[in-house]
Amino acid sequence: MILHPGARKLLGLWLDLKDQRPAPVRTDLDLRQFRRQAAWLFIVEPVGKARGYTYRLAGTAVCAFLKQEMTGKDFLTGWEPFERSSIQRALGVVTTKLQPAHFRLRYRTDKGQKIGADMLALPVMARDGLNVHVLGGLFPHGNPDIWHYERLAPADLASLRMFDGRPENMGARPEPQAPRKFRLISGGLDLP
């Protein structure tokens, strides 16, 4: 289950863009559709035969949260070998099998605080029509405006979930809630 409302919104918008296709095309992306999420979005691309990943674009909030400009940098910098390998394999599935992924991540500040975040990795066809990039969103749990730190380092990968790409299995569009039935209990304010 995806906890962060921004991540759920991004997933819903991505599903709308892709429609019946396996993935939307990068030219379909209009950041005006992602007004509230745009600062938390990024695009990474596979590089080299080792299937590394580089930030092609990183939103201002992503860079502010990570305390550095990320565009052009290695996406997996700072992760321990197990987490790095797990994230790398999952991104390989995103870019080869066009399956979205959801990550629950934890970071550690230079002050010893742990900050959790939801991260989505969604396939999107590059403008060249041949390559697949990853449209992602990094959504911290809590209010980033109240955190005071100089450095943030990846701590651990708490969970990883791959989706099969069908909207009903992705949790983006919750089922409508059934009407609640209330029963009035006498007492309280209805006493004479």
Protein backbone atom coordinates (compact mmCIF):
# COMPACT_ATOMS: atom_id res chain seq x y z
CA MET A 1 0.00 0.00 0.00
CA ILE A 2 1.30 3.43 -0.93
CA LEU A 3 1.10 5.72 2.09
CA HIS A 4 1.99 9.16 0.82
CA PRO A 5 -0.92 11.00 -0.85
CA GLY A 6 1.47 12.68 -3.32
CA ALA A 7 2.71 9.27 -4.45
CA ARG A 8 -0.85 8.01 -4.86
CA LYS A 9 -1.73 11.11 -6.90
CA LEU A 10 1.33 10.64 -9.13
CA LEU A 11 0.42 7.01 -9.72
CA GLY A 12 -3.16 7.97 -10.65
CA LEU A 13 -1.94 10.61 -13.11
CA TRP A 14 0.54 8.16 -14.65
CA LEU A 15 -2.25 5.58 -15.09
CA ASP A 16 -4.39 8.21 -16.83
CA LEU A 17 -1.51 9.15 -19.16
CA LYS A 18 -0.66 5.60 -20.14
CA ASP A 19 -4.29 4.63 -20.76
CA GLN A 20 -4.16 1.23 -22.54
CA ARG A 21 -0.46 1.49 -23.48
CA PRO A 22 2.25 -0.23 -21.44
CA ALA A 23 3.77 3.18 -20.61
CA PRO A 24 3.18 6.82 -21.51
CA VAL A 25 5.55 8.66 -23.83
CA ARG A 26 7.69 11.41 -22.33
CA THR A 27 6.02 13.97 -24.62
CA ASP A 28 2.72 13.12 -22.87
CA LEU A 29 4.09 14.57 -19.63
CA ASP A 30 2.90 18.07 -18.90
CA LEU A 31 4.19 19.31 -15.57
CA ARG A 32 1.08 21.47 -15.21
CA GLN A 33 -0.76 18.19 -14.57
CA PHE A 34 1.62 17.55 -11.68
CA ARG A 35 1.56 21.02 -10.09
CA ARG A 36 1.66 19.86 -6.47
CA GLN A 37 4.05 16.98 -7.15
CA ALA A 38 6.39 18.58 -9.73
CA ALA A 39 9.05 19.67 -7.23
CA TRP A 40 9.20 16.09 -5.89
CA LEU A 41 9.55 14.43 -9.30
CA PHE A 42 12.62 13.13 -11.07
CA ILE A 43 13.52 11.34 -14.27
CA VAL A 44 16.37 8.84 -14.36
CA GLU A 45 17.82 7.03 -17.33
CA PRO A 46 19.77 3.80 -17.60
CA VAL A 47 23.43 4.27 -18.48
CA GLY A 48 26.07 1.79 -19.53
CA LYS A 49 26.03 -1.97 -19.65
CA ALA A 50 26.20 -2.21 -15.85
CA ARG A 51 22.69 -0.75 -15.80
CA GLY A 52 23.57 2.23 -13.71
CA TYR A 53 21.04 5.04 -13.45
CA THR A 54 21.62 8.78 -13.70
CA TYR A 55 19.32 11.66 -12.79
CA ARG A 56 18.28 13.29 -16.03
CA LEU A 57 16.08 15.74 -14.16
CA ALA A 58 15.50 16.31 -10.44
CA GLY A 59 12.85 18.59 -8.98
CA THR A 60 13.75 21.42 -6.63
CA ALA A 61 12.22 19.71 -3.58
CA VAL A 62 14.13 16.48 -4.29
CA CYS A 63 17.40 18.45 -4.42
CA ALA A 64 16.51 20.43 -1.30
CA PHE A 65 15.58 17.24 0.59
CA LEU A 66 18.81 15.48 -0.45
CA LYS A 67 20.80 18.71 0.18
CA GLN A 68 22.49 18.74 -3.23
CA GLU A 69 21.83 19.28 -6.92
CA MET A 70 21.06 15.81 -8.29
CA THR A 71 20.71 16.37 -12.05
CA GLY A 72 23.47 14.43 -13.82
CA LYS A 73 24.47 12.43 -10.72
CA ASP A 74 24.39 8.69 -10.08
CA PHE A 75 20.93 7.78 -8.79
CA LEU A 76 22.27 5.10 -6.45
CA THR A 77 25.10 7.06 -4.80
CA GLY A 78 25.36 6.43 -1.08
CA TRP A 79 23.33 3.24 -0.86
CA GLU A 80 24.90 0.18 0.75
CA PRO A 81 25.57 -2.78 -1.61
CA PHE A 82 22.41 -4.76 -0.72
CA GLU A 83 20.06 -1.78 -1.13
CA ARG A 84 21.90 -0.58 -4.22
CA SER A 85 21.58 -3.99 -5.85
CA SER A 86 17.89 -4.33 -4.92
CA ILE A 87 16.99 -0.87 -6.22
CA GLN A 88 19.07 -1.43 -9.38
CA ARG A 89 17.31 -4.75 -10.12
CA ALA A 90 13.89 -3.19 -9.52
CA LEU A 91 14.69 -0.28 -11.84
CA GLY A 92 15.80 -2.86 -14.42
CA VAL A 93 12.32 -4.39 -14.27
CA VAL A 94 10.76 -0.91 -14.56
CA THR A 95 12.78 -0.14 -17.71
CA THR A 96 12.68 -3.57 -19.39
CA LYS A 97 9.32 -5.05 -18.41
CA LEU A 98 7.56 -1.69 -17.95
CA GLN A 99 6.40 -2.61 -14.45
CA PRO A 100 6.03 0.19 -11.89
CA ALA A 101 7.73 -0.11 -8.51
CA HIS A 102 7.08 1.35 -5.08
CA PHE A 103 9.87 1.72 -2.54
CA ARG A 104 9.71 2.62 1.11
CA LEU A 105 13.06 4.20 1.97
CA ARG A 106 14.73 5.57 5.07
CA TYR A 107 17.38 8.27 5.19
CA ARG A 108 19.61 9.41 8.05
CA THR A 109 20.49 13.04 8.72
CA ASP A 110 23.84 14.27 9.99
CA LYS A 111 22.03 14.82 13.31
CA GLY A 112 21.11 11.13 13.57
CA GLN A 113 17.43 11.54 12.67
CA LYS A 114 15.75 8.98 10.42
CA ILE A 115 13.34 10.24 7.76
CA GLY A 116 11.11 7.85 5.84
CA ALA A 117 9.95 8.38 2.27
CA ASP A 118 7.83 6.75 -0.40
CA MET A 119 9.41 6.54 -3.84
CA LEU A 120 7.61 5.58 -7.03
CA ALA A 121 9.42 4.44 -10.16
CA LEU A 122 7.19 4.49 -13.25
CA PRO A 123 8.23 3.58 -16.80
CA VAL A 124 7.99 6.27 -19.45
CA MET A 125 9.10 5.99 -23.07
CA ALA A 126 11.89 8.41 -23.97
CA ARG A 127 11.34 10.97 -26.70
CA ASP A 128 13.39 8.82 -29.10
CA GLY A 129 10.75 6.08 -28.83
CA LEU A 130 13.42 3.43 -28.19
CA ASN A 131 14.62 3.90 -24.63
CA VAL A 132 12.69 3.74 -21.39
CA HIS A 133 13.28 6.25 -18.63
CA VAL A 134 11.98 6.18 -15.08
CA LEU A 135 9.54 8.86 -13.99
CA GLY A 136 9.83 8.93 -10.25
CA GLY A 137 8.64 10.76 -7.22
CA LEU A 138 10.34 10.97 -3.84
CA PHE A 139 7.85 11.84 -1.10
CA PRO A 140 9.17 12.20 2.47
CA HIS A 141 6.93 11.25 5.37
CA GLY A 142 6.29 14.36 7.42
CA ASN A 143 6.97 18.03 6.85
CA PRO A 144 10.41 18.76 5.33
CA ASP A 145 10.13 22.41 6.40
CA ILE A 146 10.68 21.48 10.05
CA TRP A 147 13.80 19.33 9.52
CA HIS A 148 17.15 21.02 10.05
CA TYR A 149 20.16 19.15 8.74
CA GLU A 150 23.16 19.77 6.53
CA ARG A 151 23.58 16.28 5.04
CA LEU A 152 21.24 13.41 4.30
CA ALA A 153 22.44 9.89 3.56
CA PRO A 154 20.53 6.80 2.46
CA ALA A 155 19.98 4.49 5.43
CA ASP A 156 17.98 1.48 4.25
CA LEU A 157 15.37 0.06 1.94
CA ALA A 158 12.39 -0.79 4.15
CA SER A 159 10.24 -2.35 1.41
CA LEU A 160 10.02 -2.84 -2.32
CA ARG A 161 6.92 -3.74 -4.28
CA MET A 162 6.58 -4.32 -8.01
CA PHE A 163 3.21 -3.85 -9.71
CA ASP A 164 1.88 -5.76 -12.67
CA GLY A 165 0.71 -2.55 -14.35
CA ARG A 166 -3.03 -3.14 -14.04
CA PRO A 167 -4.79 -0.24 -12.27
CA GLU A 168 -6.87 -2.52 -10.07
CA ASN A 169 -3.71 -4.03 -8.58
CA MET A 170 -1.85 -0.78 -8.02
CA GLY A 171 -3.88 0.89 -5.29
CA ALA A 172 -3.99 4.24 -7.11
CA ARG A 173 -7.72 4.53 -7.25
CA PRO A 174 -9.25 3.45 -3.96
CA GLU A 175 -12.65 1.83 -3.93
CA PRO A 176 -15.42 4.21 -2.89
CA GLN A 177 -16.29 3.91 0.77
CA ALA A 178 -19.64 2.30 1.53
CA PRO A 179 -22.13 4.54 3.33
CA ARG A 180 -21.87 4.26 7.08
CA LYS A 181 -24.85 3.19 9.09
CA PHE A 182 -25.25 5.09 12.31
CA ARG A 183 -27.38 4.09 15.24
CA LEU A 184 -28.64 6.76 17.61
CA ILE A 185 -28.16 5.90 21.25
CA SER A 186 -30.46 7.74 23.63
CA GLY A 187 -28.87 9.80 26.35
CA GLY A 188 -26.57 12.75 26.52
CA LEU A 189 -28.12 15.82 24.91
CA ASP A 190 -31.62 14.40 24.55
CA LEU A 191 -32.17 14.23 28.34
CA PRO A 192 -34.81 16.65 29.76
